[in-house]
Amino acid sequence: MKTIIRKILLSMLPVLFFFTTAVAQPPPPDHGEDDDQPAPIGSGLGLLLLMGGAYGAKKVYDARKRLAQ
């Protein structure tokens, strides 16, 4: 029983080491700016809202079309 546990632990050590080093992220780059500026989300948010509205309008159009038949 001890040898099985030892083999399992020894085989898992490289896997655990790889995953802990793979998850690490490098620090953010320093561009010489002292103040934190928020990320621009205007155009992406507008596109998502536009696509969501178009999808909803199509669903309403299809539902009304089904009721009319």
Protein backbone atom coordinates (compact mmCIF):
# COMPACT_ATOMS: atom_id res chain seq x y z
CA MET A 1 0.00 0.00 0.00
CA LYS A 2 2.86 2.38 0.79
CA THR A 3 4.47 1.81 -2.58
CA ILE A 4 1.23 2.61 -4.41
CA ILE A 5 0.81 5.87 -2.51
CA ARG A 6 4.46 6.73 -3.08
CA LYS A 7 4.17 6.08 -6.82
CA ILE A 8 1.04 8.22 -7.05
CA LEU A 9 2.62 11.10 -5.16
CA LEU A 10 5.84 10.95 -7.19
CA SER A 11 3.92 10.89 -10.45
CA MET A 12 1.74 13.84 -9.39
CA LEU A 13 4.62 16.11 -8.33
CA PRO A 14 5.70 17.08 -11.89
CA VAL A 15 2.08 17.66 -12.89
CA LEU A 16 1.43 19.92 -9.90
CA PHE A 17 4.67 21.81 -10.49
CA PHE A 18 3.77 22.38 -14.15
CA PHE A 19 0.29 23.69 -13.36
CA THR A 20 1.44 26.07 -10.64
CA THR A 21 4.05 27.62 -12.93
CA ALA A 22 1.69 27.72 -15.92
CA VAL A 23 -0.93 29.71 -13.99
CA ALA A 24 1.49 32.49 -13.03
CA GLN A 25 1.08 35.77 -14.89
CA PRO A 26 3.76 38.35 -15.58
CA PRO A 27 3.39 41.75 -13.92
CA PRO A 28 1.66 44.46 -15.96
CA PRO A 29 3.97 46.68 -18.02
CA ASP A 30 4.94 50.07 -16.65
CA HIS A 31 4.59 52.80 -19.27
CA GLY A 32 5.73 55.59 -17.01
CA GLU A 33 2.22 56.71 -16.14
CA ASP A 34 1.42 57.33 -12.50
CA ASP A 35 -2.38 57.54 -12.69
CA ASP A 36 -4.65 54.58 -13.38
CA GLN A 37 -6.88 55.04 -16.39
CA PRO A 38 -10.00 52.94 -16.95
CA ALA A 39 -10.19 50.67 -19.98
CA PRO A 40 -12.31 51.94 -22.90
CA ILE A 41 -15.50 49.89 -23.15
CA GLY A 42 -17.63 52.16 -25.32
CA SER A 43 -17.48 50.55 -28.76
CA GLY A 44 -17.57 46.94 -27.57
CA LEU A 45 -20.50 47.60 -25.26
CA GLY A 46 -22.40 49.36 -28.05
CA LEU A 47 -21.87 46.44 -30.42
CA LEU A 48 -23.11 43.97 -27.82
CA LEU A 49 -26.22 46.04 -27.15
CA LEU A 50 -26.91 46.40 -30.88
CA MET A 51 -26.55 42.67 -31.52
CA GLY A 52 -28.72 41.83 -28.50
CA GLY A 53 -31.42 44.21 -29.69
CA ALA A 54 -31.36 42.73 -33.20
CA TYR A 55 -31.58 39.20 -31.79
CA GLY A 56 -34.53 40.18 -29.57
CA ALA A 57 -36.30 41.90 -32.48
CA LYS A 58 -35.93 38.79 -34.62
CA LYS A 59 -37.36 36.63 -31.82
CA VAL A 60 -40.37 38.95 -31.49
CA TYR A 61 -40.86 39.00 -35.28
CA ASP A 62 -40.75 35.18 -35.47
CA ALA A 63 -43.17 34.84 -32.53
CA ARG A 64 -45.70 37.23 -34.11
CA LYS A 65 -45.34 35.47 -37.44
CA ARG A 66 -46.13 32.10 -35.80
CA LEU A 67 -49.21 33.53 -34.05
CA ALA A 68 -50.55 34.98 -37.31
CA GLN A 69 -50.57 31.59 -39.03
